[in-house]
Amino acid sequence: DTPRNAPRSLDLDLLLYGRRRLTLHALTLPHPRMHERAFVLLPLAEIAPGCIIPGHGTALECLKLCADQTLQRLPESRPSPAPSALLLQSAG
């Protein structure tokens, strides 16, 4: 058993599984705080604004309740060229 919020190699949160609600020792669905976190809701609302978060409403409705949270979009990065493209560029 790892202490809560301890450093770990991978932190993977399961947010939703359809409209299923589940409470087990190691798993709660939907994620118990996802409806309070703009950093979770904004991307969800962008791809599925009508997505229902059981017990809380739609992703977009929940996001509106997080208006006091500040998010900053990172600049888009260009994908690195494939290694073969680098070879072609340096040979030319």
Protein backbone atom coordinates (compact mmCIF):
# COMPACT_ATOMS: atom_id res chain seq x y z
CA ASP A 1 0.00 0.00 0.00
CA THR A 2 1.40 3.39 -1.04
CA PRO A 3 0.50 6.42 1.09
CA ARG A 4 -1.98 8.83 -0.52
CA ASN A 5 -0.33 11.51 -2.72
CA ALA A 6 3.10 9.86 -2.42
CA PRO A 7 5.53 10.12 -5.35
CA ARG A 8 4.91 7.45 -7.97
CA SER A 9 6.06 6.56 -11.47
CA LEU A 10 2.59 6.84 -12.98
CA ASP A 11 -0.58 8.46 -11.71
CA LEU A 12 -3.52 7.23 -13.75
CA ASP A 13 -7.01 8.28 -12.71
CA LEU A 14 -10.06 6.53 -14.09
CA LEU A 15 -12.61 9.33 -14.39
CA LEU A 16 -15.74 7.77 -15.87
CA TYR A 17 -17.10 4.47 -17.10
CA GLY A 18 -20.24 5.47 -18.94
CA ARG A 19 -22.82 6.55 -16.39
CA ARG A 20 -21.83 3.84 -13.94
CA ARG A 21 -21.48 4.74 -10.27
CA LEU A 22 -19.23 2.50 -8.22
CA THR A 23 -17.57 2.66 -4.81
CA LEU A 24 -14.97 0.06 -3.94
CA HIS A 25 -11.95 0.14 -1.62
CA ALA A 26 -9.55 1.23 -4.37
CA LEU A 27 -11.91 2.67 -6.99
CA THR A 28 -14.69 5.25 -7.04
CA LEU A 29 -16.59 6.08 -10.24
CA PRO A 30 -17.03 8.73 -11.30
CA HIS A 31 -13.77 10.12 -9.90
CA PRO A 32 -14.86 11.76 -6.63
CA ARG A 33 -13.39 15.20 -7.38
CA MET A 34 -13.41 15.43 -11.17
CA HIS A 35 -16.45 17.73 -11.11
CA GLU A 36 -14.40 20.25 -9.07
CA ARG A 37 -11.29 20.34 -11.27
CA ALA A 38 -11.17 22.66 -14.25
CA PHE A 39 -8.00 20.98 -15.54
CA VAL A 40 -10.04 17.78 -15.95
CA LEU A 41 -13.27 19.39 -17.12
CA LEU A 42 -11.94 21.75 -19.79
CA PRO A 43 -10.49 19.05 -22.09
CA LEU A 44 -13.54 16.86 -21.43
CA ALA A 45 -15.91 19.71 -22.26
CA GLU A 46 -13.95 20.43 -25.45
CA ILE A 47 -14.42 16.90 -26.78
CA ALA A 48 -17.75 16.00 -25.13
CA PRO A 49 -19.54 19.03 -23.62
CA GLY A 50 -22.70 17.02 -23.00
CA CYS A 51 -20.87 14.20 -21.24
CA ILE A 52 -22.78 13.38 -18.05
CA ILE A 53 -20.86 13.19 -14.80
CA PRO A 54 -23.23 11.06 -12.70
CA GLY A 55 -24.60 13.00 -9.76
CA HIS A 56 -23.22 16.35 -10.99
CA GLY A 57 -24.52 17.19 -14.47
CA THR A 58 -22.71 17.73 -17.74
CA ALA A 59 -19.01 18.43 -18.10
CA LEU A 60 -19.85 21.92 -19.37
CA GLU A 61 -22.16 22.66 -16.41
CA CYS A 62 -19.49 21.53 -13.95
CA LEU A 63 -16.83 23.58 -15.75
CA LYS A 64 -18.94 26.73 -15.33
CA LEU A 65 -18.88 26.13 -11.56
CA CYS A 66 -15.06 26.13 -11.65
CA ALA A 67 -14.83 29.64 -13.13
CA ASP A 68 -12.59 30.76 -10.24
CA GLN A 69 -9.85 28.29 -11.29
CA THR A 70 -7.18 29.65 -13.61
CA LEU A 71 -5.92 27.51 -16.47
CA GLN A 72 -3.20 28.37 -18.93
CA ARG A 73 -3.07 26.59 -22.27
CA LEU A 74 0.45 25.54 -23.20
CA PRO A 75 1.69 26.60 -26.62
CA GLU A 76 1.30 23.93 -29.25
CA SER A 77 4.54 22.18 -30.03
CA ARG A 78 5.51 20.99 -33.44
CA PRO A 79 6.15 17.27 -33.71
CA SER A 80 9.79 16.37 -34.12
CA PRO A 81 10.72 15.39 -37.65
CA ALA A 82 11.22 11.70 -38.26
CA PRO A 83 14.87 10.58 -38.10
CA SER A 84 14.82 9.82 -41.84
CA ALA A 85 13.70 13.40 -42.54
CA LEU A 86 16.67 14.67 -40.52
CA LEU A 87 19.03 12.55 -42.62
CA LEU A 88 17.50 13.85 -45.84
CA GLN A 89 17.80 17.45 -44.66
CA SER A 90 21.43 17.12 -43.62
CA ALA A 91 22.39 15.32 -46.85
CA GLY A 92 20.92 18.03 -49.08
